[in-house]
Amino acid sequence: MKKSVRYAALLSSLFAGTYYGASAKLYAADAAVAANAGSQTGAGSTGTVEGTARPVAGTATHDAAVQQPVVSIAEKPAPKPLPEQWYTGSLYSPSPALPAPGMIAVEPYVAAGLPAGAFDSNGHLNTRKGAGGQHSISQFSLAKYGITDHLSIYLLPTYSYSWGNHTKHSGLKFNDLPVEFQYRLTPHYTPSITLYFGVNTPTGDYKNLSNASEGVGQGVWALRYGVHSQFALPFFSHAMRVRLWAQVRHPVASTKLRNITSYGTEKGFTGRGHAGPYGNEGGSVELGITKKWVFALDLYHTWATSSSVNGYNVYSRKYINSRTGWSGAFNVGPGIEYNWTSSVGGIVGVILPVAGHNTSRSISPEAAVFAVF
């Protein structure tokens, strides 16, 4: 069986989360070729891929050929194979490590931030004008590369621009850069369990700002770690994919602060700031409507622990020793996916914070295109 035919067959099936039925056909075809050619079992190469997302990053979702046995126990046909389904990945959920070395997945996103109030410490929503902060627009491009059939490297370069709320616009800013290694524990892509580990590099502006809106970084290195799982199952006559995840970002040091900073200090301040750990956890559901059309829904929680600032302001002649409280928000992210092929798709939707405390509330329309090579 030609390599290109085998790759296309398994690519389509695993991208759709329906590898059980396709693997049976692939196994039979490869077995026949092996018997006729007298080749050794395990000489074939197969490849798979599927969509992914931000972070936010979903995760962030929000997915080459690889030498491996023709079929494994995990890929044997299920009693009731799922219908063929193509996915892009939901707006926020992360994805597993890529299934083949040399595989590249990219997903450019555009997201707007529309201020819609702020949640106080008791969870009450304040909708007065300006309570939600500034308007913003962000562009982030997820990039993932398969190092092996289990290990991938992930980057998320992000640019942002903010304005409004009686302050000057921020200008175009490059944010802190996430770099992450993803290792899939399972031999298959769906169902799967993947571990994440990496760092946030302090590339974003955070001190000596003209105004607070220019702050897009923390000024410290932060560890990134988490776990992710996904599986597919039938839902009446359709296929449904479910993802569950938990992620933590843990700053490893304090940083020097001067003048206006992203930590909330003002002109004339000199001191240090220490950001606390933060992260998110949640789940997503992607329900196939047709093979190309998918309804996606993210349900997740974001949180941040206390951050502290210590120093002195020469203008006010005051020592400052402050600490923020914990903050968090529960979010809903409905979206619609359309997939032109098994390796190219797009999604549009909106992230809606529905409850929270000690945090601003921003409605975020988003759009993304996913492709794999």
Protein backbone atom coordinates (compact mmCIF):
# COMPACT_ATOMS: atom_id res chain seq x y z
CA MET A 1 0.00 0.00 0.00
CA LYS A 2 1.49 3.32 -1.03
CA LYS A 3 2.71 5.57 1.76
CA SER A 4 0.65 8.55 0.56
CA VAL A 5 -2.57 6.49 0.46
CA ARG A 6 -1.97 5.08 3.94
CA TYR A 7 -1.15 8.52 5.35
CA ALA A 8 -4.28 10.10 3.85
CA ALA A 9 -6.50 7.30 5.14
CA LEU A 10 -5.31 7.45 8.74
CA LEU A 11 -5.01 11.24 8.69
CA SER A 12 -8.67 11.60 7.83
CA SER A 13 -9.81 9.00 10.34
CA LEU A 14 -7.78 10.15 13.35
CA PHE A 15 -8.33 13.81 12.61
CA ALA A 16 -12.01 13.04 12.88
CA GLY A 17 -11.59 11.05 16.09
CA THR A 18 -12.86 7.91 14.33
CA TYR A 19 -9.69 5.90 13.99
CA TYR A 20 -11.28 2.62 15.10
CA GLY A 21 -13.11 1.84 11.87
CA ALA A 22 -10.43 3.26 9.56
CA SER A 23 -7.65 1.39 11.35
CA ALA A 24 -9.44 -1.89 10.66
CA LYS A 25 -9.48 -1.15 6.92
CA LEU A 26 -5.90 0.06 7.04
CA TYR A 27 -4.82 -3.05 8.91
CA ALA A 28 -6.49 -5.33 6.37
CA ALA A 29 -4.94 -3.49 3.43
CA ASP A 30 -1.48 -3.46 4.99
CA ALA A 31 -1.74 -7.10 5.95
CA ALA A 32 -2.55 -8.00 2.35
CA VAL A 33 0.34 -5.97 1.03
CA ALA A 34 2.69 -7.48 3.60
CA ALA A 35 1.59 -10.99 2.70
CA ASN A 36 2.03 -10.45 -1.04
CA ALA A 37 5.37 -8.70 -0.69
CA GLY A 38 6.64 -10.90 2.13
CA SER A 39 7.44 -7.81 4.18
CA GLN A 40 7.87 -7.74 7.95
CA THR A 41 5.00 -6.52 10.13
CA GLY A 42 5.76 -3.06 11.49
CA ALA A 43 7.50 -1.69 8.38
CA GLY A 44 4.63 0.59 7.44
CA SER A 45 4.33 4.28 8.35
CA THR A 46 1.18 6.09 9.36
CA GLY A 47 0.32 9.65 10.30
CA THR A 48 -2.52 11.50 12.02
CA VAL A 49 -3.47 15.01 12.96
CA GLU A 50 -6.27 17.12 14.27
CA GLY A 51 -7.18 20.64 15.37
CA THR A 52 -6.18 22.42 18.54
CA ALA A 53 -6.90 25.75 20.43
CA ARG A 54 -5.53 28.84 22.94
CA PRO A 55 -5.13 29.32 26.48
CA VAL A 56 -5.76 31.02 26.52
CA ALA A 57 -5.52 29.83 25.20
CA GLY A 58 -6.92 26.95 25.14
CA THR A 59 -5.69 25.59 25.11
CA ALA A 60 -5.55 26.97 23.97
CA THR A 61 -7.29 23.91 22.09
CA HIS A 62 -7.04 24.70 21.36
CA ASP A 63 -3.28 19.69 16.04
CA ALA A 64 4.83 13.17 8.48
CA ALA A 65 4.73 9.99 8.79
CA VAL A 66 5.96 7.79 11.62
CA GLN A 67 7.43 4.28 11.70
CA GLN A 68 5.24 2.08 13.88
CA PRO A 69 3.45 -1.28 13.84
CA VAL A 70 0.67 -1.62 11.30
CA VAL A 71 -1.91 -1.93 14.06
CA SER A 72 -1.83 -1.96 17.83
CA ILE A 73 -4.25 -3.23 20.42
CA ALA A 74 -5.39 0.34 21.08
CA GLU A 75 -6.30 0.76 17.41
CA LYS A 76 -8.37 -2.38 16.96
CA PRO A 77 -11.89 -1.73 15.65
CA ALA A 78 -14.54 -0.90 18.20
CA PRO A 79 -17.85 -2.81 18.12
CA LYS A 80 -19.61 0.37 16.95
CA PRO A 81 -17.26 2.59 14.92
CA LEU A 82 -17.93 6.31 15.13
CA PRO A 83 -19.10 8.16 12.02
CA GLU A 84 -16.36 10.02 10.16
CA GLN A 85 -15.95 13.50 11.65
CA TRP A 86 -13.52 16.38 11.04
CA TYR A 87 -12.53 18.77 13.84
CA THR A 88 -10.74 22.09 14.13
CA GLY A 89 -10.68 22.28 17.92
CA SER A 90 -12.72 24.44 20.29
CA LEU A 91 -11.91 28.07 21.11
CA TYR A 92 -10.03 27.50 24.37
CA SER A 93 -9.21 23.83 24.93
CA PRO A 94 -5.59 22.63 24.53
CA SER A 95 -4.79 19.54 22.48
CA PRO A 96 -2.61 16.40 22.74
CA ALA A 97 0.96 16.08 21.50
CA LEU A 98 1.10 15.51 17.75
CA PRO A 99 1.11 11.87 16.65
CA ALA A 100 4.06 11.91 14.21
CA PRO A 101 7.60 13.34 14.04
CA GLY A 102 8.01 16.20 11.58
CA MET A 103 4.33 17.13 11.71
CA ILE A 104 3.56 20.86 11.98
CA ALA A 105 0.29 22.40 13.16
CA VAL A 106 -0.46 26.12 13.04
CA GLU A 107 -3.50 28.09 14.15
CA PRO A 108 -3.58 31.90 13.89
CA TYR A 109 -6.22 33.54 16.10
CA VAL A 110 -7.74 37.01 16.31
CA ALA A 111 -9.59 37.93 19.53
CA ALA A 112 -11.24 41.16 20.65
CA GLY A 113 -11.80 42.24 24.25
CA LEU A 114 -15.00 44.19 24.91
CA PRO A 115 -15.18 45.50 28.51
CA ALA A 116 -18.45 44.56 30.22
CA GLY A 117 -18.00 45.43 33.88
CA ALA A 118 -16.08 43.86 36.74
CA PHE A 119 -16.75 41.29 39.49
CA ASP A 120 -16.07 42.48 43.03
CA SER A 121 -14.76 40.38 45.94
CA ASN A 122 -18.27 39.11 46.67
CA GLY A 123 -18.92 38.09 43.07
CA HIS A 124 -21.28 40.98 42.30
CA LEU A 125 -21.04 42.41 38.79
CA ASN A 126 -20.40 46.14 38.51
CA THR A 127 -21.46 47.37 35.06
CA ARG A 128 -20.70 51.06 35.42
CA LYS A 129 -18.85 52.66 32.52
CA GLY A 130 -15.13 51.93 32.60
CA ALA A 131 -15.41 49.14 35.19
CA GLY A 132 -14.27 46.49 32.71
CA GLY A 133 -11.06 48.22 31.69
CA GLN A 134 -9.94 48.85 28.13
CA HIS A 135 -10.92 47.61 24.71
CA SER A 136 -8.33 45.35 23.16
CA ILE A 137 -7.50 43.24 20.16
CA SER A 138 -5.01 40.37 20.19
CA GLN A 139 -3.43 38.20 17.54
CA PHE A 140 -1.81 34.96 18.60
CA SER A 141 -0.47 32.17 16.41
CA LEU A 142 -0.31 28.71 17.89
CA ALA A 143 2.55 26.65 16.42
CA LYS A 144 3.29 23.03 17.27
CA TYR A 145 5.96 20.65 15.94
CA GLY A 146 6.16 16.89 16.40
CA ILE A 147 9.63 15.91 17.65
CA THR A 148 8.70 12.23 18.03
CA ASP A 149 5.42 10.34 17.81
CA HIS A 150 4.82 11.19 21.49
CA LEU A 151 6.70 14.48 22.09
CA SER A 152 5.85 17.90 20.63
CA ILE A 153 7.06 21.45 21.17
CA TYR A 154 4.53 24.28 21.37
CA LEU A 155 4.89 28.08 20.94
CA LEU A 156 2.29 30.82 21.26
CA PRO A 157 3.64 34.23 20.11
CA THR A 158 1.07 36.95 20.87
CA TYR A 159 0.64 40.58 19.87
CA SER A 160 -1.90 42.89 21.52
CA TYR A 161 -3.23 46.42 21.24
CA SER A 162 -5.48 48.18 23.78
CA TRP A 163 -7.20 51.55 24.03
CA GLY A 164 -9.92 53.51 25.83
CA ASN A 165 -11.00 54.03 29.43
CA HIS A 166 -9.54 57.54 29.51
CA THR A 167 -5.95 56.41 28.84
CA LYS A 168 -3.74 56.47 25.78
CA HIS A 169 -3.59 53.50 23.45
CA SER A 170 -0.90 50.95 24.23
CA GLY A 171 0.59 50.63 20.77
CA LEU A 172 1.29 47.20 19.31
CA LYS A 173 2.89 45.03 22.00
CA PHE A 174 4.58 41.63 21.98
CA ASN A 175 3.50 39.67 25.07
CA ASP A 176 5.34 37.12 27.22
CA LEU A 177 6.15 34.08 25.07
CA PRO A 178 4.99 30.58 26.15
CA VAL A 179 7.28 27.67 25.19
CA GLU A 180 6.08 24.20 26.13
CA PHE A 181 6.90 20.53 25.66
CA GLN A 182 3.94 18.16 25.41
CA TYR A 183 4.30 14.41 25.98
CA ARG A 184 1.47 12.02 25.18
CA LEU A 185 1.48 9.00 27.50
CA THR A 186 -0.86 6.91 25.38
CA PRO A 187 0.15 5.25 22.08
CA HIS A 188 -2.93 6.62 20.33
CA TYR A 189 -4.25 10.13 19.79
CA THR A 190 -7.87 9.55 20.80
CA PRO A 191 -8.39 8.57 23.58
CA SER A 192 -5.23 10.07 25.00
CA ILE A 193 -3.51 11.56 28.05
CA THR A 194 -0.89 14.29 27.55
CA LEU A 195 1.41 16.00 30.07
CA TYR A 196 2.60 19.60 29.58
CA PHE A 197 5.76 21.25 30.86
CA GLY A 198 7.44 24.49 29.80
CA VAL A 199 8.05 28.14 30.61
CA ASN A 200 6.69 31.61 30.00
CA THR A 201 9.60 33.78 28.83
CA PRO A 202 9.53 37.43 30.05
CA THR A 203 9.42 39.15 26.65
CA GLY A 204 6.52 41.55 27.33
CA ASP A 205 6.82 45.15 28.59
CA TYR A 206 6.04 45.51 32.29
CA LYS A 207 7.90 48.52 33.79
CA ASN A 208 8.77 52.15 32.95
CA LEU A 209 5.52 52.40 31.02
CA SER A 210 3.90 55.56 29.69
CA ASN A 211 0.58 54.29 31.04
CA ALA A 212 -0.71 51.08 32.58
CA SER A 213 -2.29 49.89 29.31
CA GLU A 214 1.20 49.21 27.92
CA GLY A 215 1.85 46.44 30.45
CA VAL A 216 1.67 43.06 28.69
CA GLY A 217 4.20 41.05 30.72
CA GLN A 218 5.17 39.99 34.24
CA GLY A 219 8.94 40.46 34.00
CA VAL A 220 9.67 36.99 35.42
CA TRP A 221 10.12 33.46 34.15
CA ALA A 222 7.18 31.22 34.97
CA LEU A 223 6.89 27.42 34.87
CA ARG A 224 4.00 25.97 32.86
CA TYR A 225 2.66 22.49 33.63
CA GLY A 226 -0.57 20.59 33.27
CA VAL A 227 -2.43 17.50 32.11
CA HIS A 228 -4.89 16.95 29.26
CA SER A 229 -7.13 14.11 28.13
CA GLN A 230 -9.50 13.61 25.22
CA PHE A 231 -11.81 10.88 23.96
CA ALA A 232 -14.53 10.45 21.36
CA LEU A 233 -17.88 8.72 21.72
CA PRO A 234 -21.14 8.39 19.78
CA PHE A 235 -23.99 10.81 20.41
CA PHE A 236 -27.06 9.39 18.71
CA SER A 237 -25.95 9.19 15.03
CA HIS A 238 -23.15 11.76 15.44
CA ALA A 239 -19.60 11.78 16.80
CA MET A 240 -18.72 13.80 19.88
CA ARG A 241 -15.25 14.62 21.18
CA VAL A 242 -14.65 15.54 24.82
CA ARG A 243 -11.54 17.21 26.29
CA LEU A 244 -10.64 17.71 29.96
CA TRP A 245 -7.62 19.64 31.21
CA ALA A 246 -5.93 21.48 34.09
CA GLN A 247 -3.00 23.92 33.71
CA VAL A 248 -0.84 25.97 36.12
CA ARG A 249 1.58 28.89 35.52
CA HIS A 250 4.00 29.38 38.41
CA PRO A 251 6.35 32.43 38.49
CA VAL A 252 9.72 31.43 39.94
CA ALA A 253 11.07 34.79 41.17
CA SER A 254 10.26 38.40 41.96
CA THR A 255 11.17 41.27 39.63
CA LYS A 256 12.41 44.85 39.92
CA LEU A 257 9.73 47.49 39.39
CA ARG A 258 10.17 51.12 38.46
CA ASN A 259 7.58 53.83 37.80
CA ILE A 260 4.33 52.75 36.08
CA THR A 261 4.19 48.96 35.78
CA SER A 262 1.81 46.12 34.97
CA TYR A 263 1.70 45.47 38.75
CA GLY A 264 -0.32 48.67 39.28
CA THR A 265 2.44 50.97 40.54
CA GLU A 266 2.65 54.66 39.65
CA LYS A 267 5.31 57.08 38.47
CA GLY A 268 8.06 57.56 41.06
CA PHE A 269 7.84 54.01 42.43
CA THR A 270 10.90 51.84 42.97
CA GLY A 271 10.68 48.35 44.44
CA ARG A 272 9.88 44.73 43.68
CA GLY A 273 6.84 42.77 42.57
CA HIS A 274 6.02 39.10 43.00
CA ALA A 275 3.30 37.53 40.86
CA GLY A 276 1.45 34.54 42.28
CA PRO A 277 0.61 31.30 40.48
CA TYR A 278 -2.35 31.29 38.12
CA GLY A 279 -4.03 28.82 35.80
CA ASN A 280 -7.20 27.28 34.44
CA GLU A 281 -9.12 24.02 34.27
CA GLY A 282 -12.17 22.91 32.36
CA GLY A 283 -13.69 20.80 29.64
CA SER A 284 -14.91 21.10 26.09
CA VAL A 285 -17.41 19.28 23.89
CA GLU A 286 -17.35 19.18 20.09
CA LEU A 287 -20.49 17.70 18.53
CA GLY A 288 -20.51 16.85 14.84
CA ILE A 289 -23.48 18.25 12.94
CA THR A 290 -22.22 17.05 9.57
CA LYS A 291 -18.78 15.74 8.68
CA LYS A 292 -17.60 19.34 8.09
CA TRP A 293 -19.75 21.33 10.53
CA VAL A 294 -19.20 21.05 14.31
CA PHE A 295 -20.72 22.78 17.33
CA ALA A 296 -18.09 23.46 20.00
CA LEU A 297 -18.53 24.46 23.64
CA ASP A 298 -15.89 25.30 26.25
CA LEU A 299 -16.71 25.40 29.97
CA TYR A 300 -13.73 26.44 32.07
CA HIS A 301 -12.50 28.33 35.13
CA THR A 302 -9.55 30.75 35.30
CA TRP A 303 -7.90 31.74 38.57
CA ALA A 304 -4.99 33.75 39.96
CA THR A 305 -3.51 33.84 43.46
CA SER A 306 -2.34 36.97 45.26
CA SER A 307 0.42 39.18 43.86
CA SER A 308 2.47 41.49 46.06
CA VAL A 309 4.31 44.82 45.62
CA ASN A 310 6.91 46.27 47.99
CA GLY A 311 8.79 49.55 47.56
CA TYR A 312 8.84 53.32 47.90
CA ASN A 313 7.31 56.17 45.87
CA VAL A 314 9.49 59.29 45.88
CA TYR A 315 6.62 61.55 44.80
CA SER A 316 4.12 60.52 47.46
CA ARG A 317 6.93 59.82 49.96
CA LYS A 318 5.20 56.65 51.03
CA TYR A 319 6.36 53.09 51.54
CA ILE A 320 4.12 50.69 49.69
CA ASN A 321 3.45 47.14 50.80
CA SER A 322 0.35 45.85 49.05
CA ARG A 323 -1.14 42.51 48.10
CA THR A 324 -4.00 41.68 45.78
CA GLY A 325 -6.63 39.08 46.60
CA TRP A 326 -7.40 35.87 44.79
CA SER A 327 -9.35 36.28 41.56
CA GLY A 328 -11.23 33.95 39.27
CA ALA A 329 -13.89 33.64 36.60
CA PHE A 330 -16.14 30.95 35.15
CA ASN A 331 -16.38 31.14 31.37
CA VAL A 332 -18.54 29.75 28.58
CA GLY A 333 -17.24 29.60 25.02
CA PRO A 334 -19.68 28.51 22.27
CA GLY A 335 -18.37 28.29 18.72
CA ILE A 336 -19.03 26.89 15.25
CA GLU A 337 -16.36 24.98 13.34
CA TYR A 338 -16.20 24.43 9.59
CA ASN A 339 -13.61 22.09 8.09
CA TRP A 340 -12.77 22.38 4.40
CA THR A 341 -10.68 19.20 4.56
CA SER A 342 -9.46 16.84 7.27
CA SER A 343 -6.40 19.06 7.75
CA VAL A 344 -7.74 22.60 7.24
CA GLY A 345 -10.58 24.18 9.23
CA GLY A 346 -11.80 27.32 10.94
CA ILE A 347 -13.84 28.38 13.96
CA VAL A 348 -15.72 31.48 15.12
CA GLY A 349 -17.25 32.03 18.55
CA VAL A 350 -17.22 34.11 21.70
CA ILE A 351 -15.89 33.73 25.26
CA LEU A 352 -18.40 34.89 27.90
CA PRO A 353 -17.43 35.25 31.59
CA VAL A 354 -20.60 34.33 33.49
CA ALA A 355 -19.41 34.59 37.11
CA GLY A 356 -16.31 35.56 39.04
CA HIS A 357 -14.68 37.64 41.77
CA ASN A 358 -11.93 40.29 41.95
CA THR A 359 -11.58 40.44 38.17
CA SER A 360 -12.68 42.48 35.20
CA ARG A 361 -15.27 41.08 32.79
CA SER A 362 -14.50 41.17 29.09
CA ILE A 363 -16.54 39.59 26.28
CA SER A 364 -14.18 38.14 23.65
CA PRO A 365 -15.31 37.37 20.09
CA GLU A 366 -12.73 35.11 18.42
CA ALA A 367 -11.92 33.60 15.03
CA ALA A 368 -9.20 31.16 14.01
CA VAL A 369 -8.00 29.04 11.10
CA PHE A 370 -6.25 25.71 11.66
CA ALA A 371 -3.92 23.88 9.27
CA VAL A 372 -1.54 20.94 9.51
CA PHE A 373 1.43 20.01 7.32
